[in-house]
All heavy atoms as atom14 arrays in JSON, in Angstrom:
{
  "sequence": "QLVAIGDGKTPGEVTKVDTRGKRRLAYPIKKKVESQD",
  "atom14_mask": [
    [1, 1, 1, 1, 1, 1, 1, 1, 1, 0, 0, 0, 0, 0],
    [1, 1, 1, 1, 1, 1, 1, 1, 0, 0, 0, 0, 0, 0],
    [1, 1, 1, 1, 1, 1, 1, 0, 0, 0, 0, 0, 0, 0],
    [1, 1, 1, 1, 1, 0, 0, 0, 0, 0, 0, 0, 0, 0],
    [1, 1, 1, 1, 1, 1, 1, 1, 0, 0, 0, 0, 0, 0],
    [1, 1, 1, 1, 0, 0, 0, 0, 0, 0, 0, 0, 0, 0],
    [1, 1, 1, 1, 1, 1, 1, 1, 0, 0, 0, 0, 0, 0],
    [1, 1, 1, 1, 0, 0, 0, 0, 0, 0, 0, 0, 0, 0],
    [1, 1, 1, 1, 1, 1, 1, 1, 1, 0, 0, 0, 0, 0],
    [1, 1, 1, 1, 1, 1, 1, 0, 0, 0, 0, 0, 0, 0],
    [1, 1, 1, 1, 1, 1, 1, 0, 0, 0, 0, 0, 0, 0],
    [1, 1, 1, 1, 0, 0, 0, 0, 0, 0, 0, 0, 0, 0],
    [1, 1, 1, 1, 1, 1, 1, 1, 1, 0, 0, 0, 0, 0],
    [1, 1, 1, 1, 1, 1, 1, 0, 0, 0, 0, 0, 0, 0],
    [1, 1, 1, 1, 1, 1, 1, 0, 0, 0, 0, 0, 0, 0],
    [1, 1, 1, 1, 1, 1, 1, 1, 1, 0, 0, 0, 0, 0],
    [1, 1, 1, 1, 1, 1, 1, 0, 0, 0, 0, 0, 0, 0],
    [1, 1, 1, 1, 1, 1, 1, 1, 0, 0, 0, 0, 0, 0],
    [1, 1, 1, 1, 1, 1, 1, 0, 0, 0, 0, 0, 0, 0],
    [1, 1, 1, 1, 1, 1, 1, 1, 1, 1, 1, 0, 0, 0],
    [1, 1, 1, 1, 0, 0, 0, 0, 0, 0, 0, 0, 0, 0],
    [1, 1, 1, 1, 1, 1, 1, 1, 1, 0, 0, 0, 0, 0],
    [1, 1, 1, 1, 1, 1, 1, 1, 1, 1, 1, 0, 0, 0],
    [1, 1, 1, 1, 1, 1, 1, 1, 1, 1, 1, 0, 0, 0],
    [1, 1, 1, 1, 1, 1, 1, 1, 0, 0, 0, 0, 0, 0],
    [1, 1, 1, 1, 1, 0, 0, 0, 0, 0, 0, 0, 0, 0],
    [1, 1, 1, 1, 1, 1, 1, 1, 1, 1, 1, 1, 0, 0],
    [1, 1, 1, 1, 1, 1, 1, 0, 0, 0, 0, 0, 0, 0],
    [1, 1, 1, 1, 1, 1, 1, 1, 0, 0, 0, 0, 0, 0],
    [1, 1, 1, 1, 1, 1, 1, 1, 1, 0, 0, 0, 0, 0],
    [1, 1, 1, 1, 1, 1, 1, 1, 1, 0, 0, 0, 0, 0],
    [1, 1, 1, 1, 1, 1, 1, 1, 1, 0, 0, 0, 0, 0],
    [1, 1, 1, 1, 1, 1, 1, 0, 0, 0, 0, 0, 0, 0],
    [1, 1, 1, 1, 1, 1, 1, 1, 1, 0, 0, 0, 0, 0],
    [1, 1, 1, 1, 1, 1, 0, 0, 0, 0, 0, 0, 0, 0],
    [1, 1, 1, 1, 1, 1, 1, 1, 1, 0, 0, 0, 0, 0],
    [1, 1, 1, 1, 1, 1, 1, 1, 0, 0, 0, 0, 0, 0]
  ],
  "atom14_positions": [
    [[286.49, 60.8, 76.14], [286.79, 59.44, 76.59], [288.0, 59.41, 77.51], [287.99, 58.74, 78.54], [287.03, 58.51, 75.4], [285.81, 58.16, 74.62], [286.15, 57.33, 73.39], [287.31, 57.16, 73.05], [285.12, 56.82, 72.74], [0.0, 0.0, 0.0], [0.0, 0.0, 0.0], [0.0, 0.0, 0.0], [0.0, 0.0, 0.0], [0.0, 0.0, 0.0]],
    [[289.04, 60.16, 77.14], [290.24, 60.18, 77.97], [289.98, 60.82, 79.32], [290.53, 60.39, 80.34], [291.37, 60.9, 77.24], [291.94, 60.15, 76.05], [292.9, 61.03, 75.27], [292.63, 58.87, 76.49], [0.0, 0.0, 0.0], [0.0, 0.0, 0.0], [0.0, 0.0, 0.0], [0.0, 0.0, 0.0], [0.0, 0.0, 0.0], [0.0, 0.0, 0.0]],
    [[289.13, 61.83, 79.36], [288.76, 62.45, 80.63], [287.93, 61.47, 81.46], [288.13, 61.34, 82.67], [287.98, 63.76, 80.4], [287.33, 64.25, 81.68], [288.91, 64.83, 79.83], [0.0, 0.0, 0.0], [0.0, 0.0, 0.0], [0.0, 0.0, 0.0], [0.0, 0.0, 0.0], [0.0, 0.0, 0.0], [0.0, 0.0, 0.0], [0.0, 0.0, 0.0]],
    [[287.02, 60.77, 80.81], [286.15, 59.82, 81.52], [286.94, 58.66, 82.11], [286.6, 58.17, 83.19], [285.06, 59.3, 80.59], [0.0, 0.0, 0.0], [0.0, 0.0, 0.0], [0.0, 0.0, 0.0], [0.0, 0.0, 0.0], [0.0, 0.0, 0.0], [0.0, 0.0, 0.0], [0.0, 0.0, 0.0], [0.0, 0.0, 0.0], [0.0, 0.0, 0.0]],
    [[287.98, 58.23, 81.42], [288.82, 57.14, 81.95], [289.55, 57.6, 83.19], [289.7, 56.86, 84.16], [289.81, 56.66, 80.88], [289.07, 55.96, 79.75], [290.86, 55.74, 81.48], [289.93, 55.65, 78.56], [0.0, 0.0, 0.0], [0.0, 0.0, 0.0], [0.0, 0.0, 0.0], [0.0, 0.0, 0.0], [0.0, 0.0, 0.0], [0.0, 0.0, 0.0]],
    [[289.99, 58.84, 83.19], [290.71, 59.38, 84.35], [292.04, 58.7, 84.52], [292.74, 58.41, 83.56], [0.0, 0.0, 0.0], [0.0, 0.0, 0.0], [0.0, 0.0, 0.0], [0.0, 0.0, 0.0], [0.0, 0.0, 0.0], [0.0, 0.0, 0.0], [0.0, 0.0, 0.0], [0.0, 0.0, 0.0], [0.0, 0.0, 0.0], [0.0, 0.0, 0.0]],
    [[292.41, 58.43, 85.76], [293.69, 57.77, 86.04], [293.54, 56.27, 86.2], [294.47, 55.58, 86.58], [294.35, 58.38, 87.27], [293.52, 58.2, 88.53], [292.41, 57.68, 88.42], [293.99, 58.6, 89.6], [0.0, 0.0, 0.0], [0.0, 0.0, 0.0], [0.0, 0.0, 0.0], [0.0, 0.0, 0.0], [0.0, 0.0, 0.0], [0.0, 0.0, 0.0]],
    [[292.38, 55.75, 85.92], [292.13, 54.32, 86.05], [291.46, 53.97, 87.37], [290.82, 52.94, 87.48], [0.0, 0.0, 0.0], [0.0, 0.0, 0.0], [0.0, 0.0, 0.0], [0.0, 0.0, 0.0], [0.0, 0.0, 0.0], [0.0, 0.0, 0.0], [0.0, 0.0, 0.0], [0.0, 0.0, 0.0], [0.0, 0.0, 0.0], [0.0, 0.0, 0.0]],
    [[291.62, 54.81, 88.37], [291.02, 54.57, 89.68], [289.74, 55.37, 89.86], [288.72, 54.85, 90.27], [292.01, 54.93, 90.79], [293.26, 54.12, 90.77], [294.24, 54.6, 91.8], [295.56, 53.86, 91.66], [296.61, 54.43, 92.48], [0.0, 0.0, 0.0], [0.0, 0.0, 0.0], [0.0, 0.0, 0.0], [0.0, 0.0, 0.0], [0.0, 0.0, 0.0]],
    [[289.83, 56.66, 89.55], [288.66, 57.53, 89.67], [288.33, 58.11, 88.3], [289.19, 58.72, 87.67], [288.94, 58.69, 90.65], [290.12, 59.37, 90.23], [289.12, 58.18, 92.06], [0.0, 0.0, 0.0], [0.0, 0.0, 0.0], [0.0, 0.0, 0.0], [0.0, 0.0, 0.0], [0.0, 0.0, 0.0], [0.0, 0.0, 0.0], [0.0, 0.0, 0.0]],
    [[287.13, 57.9, 87.81], [286.77, 58.43, 86.5], [286.57, 59.94, 86.54], [286.15, 60.5, 87.54], [285.47, 57.71, 86.17], [284.89, 57.34, 87.49], [286.06, 57.12, 88.41], [0.0, 0.0, 0.0], [0.0, 0.0, 0.0], [0.0, 0.0, 0.0], [0.0, 0.0, 0.0], [0.0, 0.0, 0.0], [0.0, 0.0, 0.0], [0.0, 0.0, 0.0]],
    [[286.87, 60.58, 85.42], [286.65, 62.01, 85.29], [285.26, 62.29, 84.75], [284.51, 61.38, 84.4], [0.0, 0.0, 0.0], [0.0, 0.0, 0.0], [0.0, 0.0, 0.0], [0.0, 0.0, 0.0], [0.0, 0.0, 0.0], [0.0, 0.0, 0.0], [0.0, 0.0, 0.0], [0.0, 0.0, 0.0], [0.0, 0.0, 0.0], [0.0, 0.0, 0.0]],
    [[284.94, 63.57, 84.67], [283.6, 63.96, 84.21], [283.68, 65.27, 83.45], [284.22, 66.26, 83.94], [282.69, 64.12, 85.43], [281.34, 64.68, 85.1], [280.55, 65.02, 86.35], [281.11, 65.06, 87.46], [279.34, 65.29, 86.2], [0.0, 0.0, 0.0], [0.0, 0.0, 0.0], [0.0, 0.0, 0.0], [0.0, 0.0, 0.0], [0.0, 0.0, 0.0]],
    [[283.14, 65.28, 82.23], [283.05, 66.51, 81.45], [281.78, 67.24, 81.9], [280.69, 66.69, 81.83], [283.0, 66.22, 79.94], [282.78, 67.49, 79.15], [284.28, 65.53, 79.49], [0.0, 0.0, 0.0], [0.0, 0.0, 0.0], [0.0, 0.0, 0.0], [0.0, 0.0, 0.0], [0.0, 0.0, 0.0], [0.0, 0.0, 0.0], [0.0, 0.0, 0.0]],
    [[281.93, 68.48, 82.36], [280.78, 69.21, 82.86], [280.18, 70.15, 81.83], [278.99, 70.45, 81.9], [281.17, 70.03, 84.11], [282.26, 70.88, 83.79], [281.57, 69.12, 85.25], [0.0, 0.0, 0.0], [0.0, 0.0, 0.0], [0.0, 0.0, 0.0], [0.0, 0.0, 0.0], [0.0, 0.0, 0.0], [0.0, 0.0, 0.0], [0.0, 0.0, 0.0]],
    [[281.0, 70.62, 80.88], [280.47, 71.58, 79.91], [281.28, 71.51, 78.62], [282.5, 71.41, 78.64], [280.56, 72.99, 80.49], [279.98, 74.07, 79.63], [280.09, 75.42, 80.32], [279.61, 76.53, 79.42], [279.82, 77.85, 80.02], [0.0, 0.0, 0.0], [0.0, 0.0, 0.0], [0.0, 0.0, 0.0], [0.0, 0.0, 0.0], [0.0, 0.0, 0.0]],
    [[280.58, 71.56, 77.49], [281.21, 71.64, 76.17], [280.65, 72.88, 75.49], [279.45, 72.99, 75.26], [280.91, 70.39, 75.31], [281.52, 70.53, 73.94], [281.4, 69.13, 76.0], [0.0, 0.0, 0.0], [0.0, 0.0, 0.0], [0.0, 0.0, 0.0], [0.0, 0.0, 0.0], [0.0, 0.0, 0.0], [0.0, 0.0, 0.0], [0.0, 0.0, 0.0]],
    [[281.53, 73.82, 75.19], [281.12, 75.07, 74.57], [281.77, 75.15, 73.19], [282.97, 75.36, 73.07], [281.56, 76.25, 75.43], [281.1, 77.59, 74.89], [280.21, 77.6, 74.01], [281.61, 78.63, 75.34], [0.0, 0.0, 0.0], [0.0, 0.0, 0.0], [0.0, 0.0, 0.0], [0.0, 0.0, 0.0], [0.0, 0.0, 0.0], [0.0, 0.0, 0.0]],
    [[280.96, 74.97, 72.14], [281.45, 75.06, 70.78], [281.34, 76.5, 70.31], [280.25, 77.06, 70.24], [280.64, 74.13, 69.85], [280.69, 72.81, 70.38], [281.21, 74.14, 68.45], [0.0, 0.0, 0.0], [0.0, 0.0, 0.0], [0.0, 0.0, 0.0], [0.0, 0.0, 0.0], [0.0, 0.0, 0.0], [0.0, 0.0, 0.0], [0.0, 0.0, 0.0]],
    [[282.46, 77.09, 70.0], [282.49, 78.49, 69.59], [282.26, 78.67, 68.1], [282.06, 79.77, 67.63], [283.84, 79.12, 69.96], [284.13, 79.13, 71.44], [283.24, 80.15, 72.1], [283.35, 80.13, 73.54], [283.87, 81.11, 74.25], [284.37, 82.16, 73.67], [283.9, 81.0, 75.56], [0.0, 0.0, 0.0], [0.0, 0.0, 0.0], [0.0, 0.0, 0.0]],
    [[282.32, 77.6, 67.34], [282.09, 77.68, 65.9], [283.34, 78.12, 65.14], [284.43, 78.19, 65.69], [0.0, 0.0, 0.0], [0.0, 0.0, 0.0], [0.0, 0.0, 0.0], [0.0, 0.0, 0.0], [0.0, 0.0, 0.0], [0.0, 0.0, 0.0], [0.0, 0.0, 0.0], [0.0, 0.0, 0.0], [0.0, 0.0, 0.0], [0.0, 0.0, 0.0]],
    [[283.14, 78.41, 63.87], [284.25, 78.83, 63.03], [284.57, 80.3, 63.26], [283.68, 81.11, 63.45], [283.93, 78.61, 61.55], [283.88, 77.16, 61.17], [283.75, 76.99, 59.68], [283.71, 75.52, 59.33], [283.65, 75.31, 57.9], [0.0, 0.0, 0.0], [0.0, 0.0, 0.0], [0.0, 0.0, 0.0], [0.0, 0.0, 0.0], [0.0, 0.0, 0.0]],
    [[285.87, 80.6, 63.22], [286.3, 81.99, 63.35], [287.61, 82.19, 62.62], [288.34, 81.24, 62.36], [286.42, 82.41, 64.8], [287.53, 81.73, 65.55], [287.59, 82.22, 66.99], [288.92, 81.97, 67.51], [289.87, 82.88, 67.61], [289.64, 84.11, 67.23], [291.06, 82.58, 68.07], [0.0, 0.0, 0.0], [0.0, 0.0, 0.0], [0.0, 0.0, 0.0]],
    [[287.9, 83.41, 62.29], [289.13, 83.76, 61.61], [290.23, 83.93, 62.65], [290.04, 84.59, 63.67], [288.95, 85.05, 60.82], [290.12, 85.4, 59.96], [289.68, 86.42, 58.92], [290.77, 86.79, 58.07], [291.2, 86.08, 57.04], [290.58, 84.96, 56.74], [292.21, 86.48, 56.3], [0.0, 0.0, 0.0], [0.0, 0.0, 0.0], [0.0, 0.0, 0.0]],
    [[291.39, 83.35, 62.4], [292.52, 83.45, 63.31], [293.2, 84.81, 63.18], [293.18, 85.43, 62.11], [293.53, 82.35, 63.01], [293.05, 80.92, 63.24], [294.07, 79.93, 62.7], [292.8, 80.67, 64.71], [0.0, 0.0, 0.0], [0.0, 0.0, 0.0], [0.0, 0.0, 0.0], [0.0, 0.0, 0.0], [0.0, 0.0, 0.0], [0.0, 0.0, 0.0]],
    [[293.8, 85.28, 64.23], [294.51, 86.56, 64.21], [295.76, 86.47, 63.36], [296.18, 87.45, 62.74], [294.89, 86.98, 65.63], [0.0, 0.0, 0.0], [0.0, 0.0, 0.0], [0.0, 0.0, 0.0], [0.0, 0.0, 0.0], [0.0, 0.0, 0.0], [0.0, 0.0, 0.0], [0.0, 0.0, 0.0], [0.0, 0.0, 0.0], [0.0, 0.0, 0.0]],
    [[296.37, 85.29, 63.3], [297.54, 85.06, 62.46], [297.5, 83.61, 62.0], [296.91, 82.75, 62.67], [298.84, 85.35, 63.23], [298.98, 84.57, 64.5], [299.6, 83.32, 64.52], [298.48, 85.06, 65.71], [299.72, 82.6, 65.68], [298.61, 84.36, 66.87], [299.24, 83.12, 66.85], [299.35, 82.4, 68.02], [0.0, 0.0, 0.0], [0.0, 0.0, 0.0]],
    [[298.1, 83.3, 60.86], [298.05, 81.92, 60.35], [298.79, 80.94, 61.28], [299.86, 81.25, 61.78], [298.76, 82.0, 59.0], [298.74, 83.44, 58.63], [298.73, 84.21, 59.91], [0.0, 0.0, 0.0], [0.0, 0.0, 0.0], [0.0, 0.0, 0.0], [0.0, 0.0, 0.0], [0.0, 0.0, 0.0], [0.0, 0.0, 0.0], [0.0, 0.0, 0.0]],
    [[298.17, 79.79, 61.47], [298.79, 78.69, 62.21], [298.84, 77.51, 61.26], [297.79, 77.08, 60.77], [297.98, 78.33, 63.47], [297.86, 79.52, 64.4], [298.63, 77.15, 64.19], [296.97, 79.29, 65.59], [0.0, 0.0, 0.0], [0.0, 0.0, 0.0], [0.0, 0.0, 0.0], [0.0, 0.0, 0.0], [0.0, 0.0, 0.0], [0.0, 0.0, 0.0]],
    [[300.03, 77.02, 60.98], [300.23, 75.92, 60.02], [299.57, 76.25, 58.69], [298.9, 75.42, 58.08], [299.69, 74.61, 60.58], [300.4, 74.15, 61.84], [299.83, 72.82, 62.31], [300.48, 72.41, 63.61], [299.9, 71.17, 64.12], [0.0, 0.0, 0.0], [0.0, 0.0, 0.0], [0.0, 0.0, 0.0], [0.0, 0.0, 0.0], [0.0, 0.0, 0.0]],
    [[299.69, 77.49, 58.26], [299.16, 78.0, 56.99], [297.62, 77.97, 56.93], [297.04, 77.99, 55.85], [299.75, 77.25, 55.81], [301.26, 77.4, 55.71], [301.81, 76.7, 54.51], [303.32, 76.85, 54.47], [303.89, 76.15, 53.34], [0.0, 0.0, 0.0], [0.0, 0.0, 0.0], [0.0, 0.0, 0.0], [0.0, 0.0, 0.0], [0.0, 0.0, 0.0]],
    [[296.96, 77.93, 58.06], [295.5, 77.96, 58.14], [295.08, 79.31, 58.7], [295.74, 79.86, 59.59], [294.97, 76.86, 59.06], [295.44, 75.48, 58.71], [294.87, 75.01, 57.4], [295.37, 73.6, 57.12], [294.81, 73.05, 55.92], [0.0, 0.0, 0.0], [0.0, 0.0, 0.0], [0.0, 0.0, 0.0], [0.0, 0.0, 0.0], [0.0, 0.0, 0.0]],
    [[294.0, 79.87, 58.17], [293.54, 81.18, 58.63], [292.18, 81.12, 59.33], [291.73, 82.11, 59.88], [293.47, 82.19, 57.45], [294.86, 82.5, 56.94], [292.58, 81.69, 56.35], [0.0, 0.0, 0.0], [0.0, 0.0, 0.0], [0.0, 0.0, 0.0], [0.0, 0.0, 0.0], [0.0, 0.0, 0.0], [0.0, 0.0, 0.0], [0.0, 0.0, 0.0]],
    [[291.51, 79.96, 59.32], [290.24, 79.79, 60.01], [290.3, 78.55, 60.89], [291.03, 77.59, 60.59], [289.08, 79.65, 59.01], [288.72, 80.94, 58.34], [287.43, 80.81, 57.53], [287.04, 79.7, 57.17], [286.81, 81.86, 57.29], [0.0, 0.0, 0.0], [0.0, 0.0, 0.0], [0.0, 0.0, 0.0], [0.0, 0.0, 0.0], [0.0, 0.0, 0.0]],
    [[289.5, 78.59, 61.96], [289.49, 77.46, 62.89], [288.1, 77.25, 63.48], [287.23, 78.11, 63.38], [290.47, 77.72, 64.02], [290.0, 78.76, 64.85], [0.0, 0.0, 0.0], [0.0, 0.0, 0.0], [0.0, 0.0, 0.0], [0.0, 0.0, 0.0], [0.0, 0.0, 0.0], [0.0, 0.0, 0.0], [0.0, 0.0, 0.0], [0.0, 0.0, 0.0]],
    [[287.93, 76.09, 64.07], [286.76, 75.78, 64.88], [287.27, 75.73, 66.32], [288.23, 75.03, 66.62], [286.18, 74.42, 64.52], [285.71, 74.3, 63.1], [285.21, 72.9, 62.83], [284.54, 72.3, 63.66], [285.54, 72.38, 61.67], [0.0, 0.0, 0.0], [0.0, 0.0, 0.0], [0.0, 0.0, 0.0], [0.0, 0.0, 0.0], [0.0, 0.0, 0.0]],
    [[286.64, 76.47, 67.22], [287.1, 76.53, 68.6], [286.1, 75.84, 69.52], [284.9, 76.0, 69.37], [287.28, 77.98, 69.05], [288.35, 78.69, 68.26], [289.0, 78.05, 67.42], [288.55, 79.88, 68.48], [0.0, 0.0, 0.0], [0.0, 0.0, 0.0], [0.0, 0.0, 0.0], [0.0, 0.0, 0.0], [0.0, 0.0, 0.0], [0.0, 0.0, 0.0]]
  ]
}
């Protein structure tokens, strides 16, 4: 939605969404070891 709004004058456009799924992180981030990318 924020991309589509753009700067208010010209709307943006999402061209591709690539869901990488769940994966194990190389190191913990905020005490989490798995993520969705």
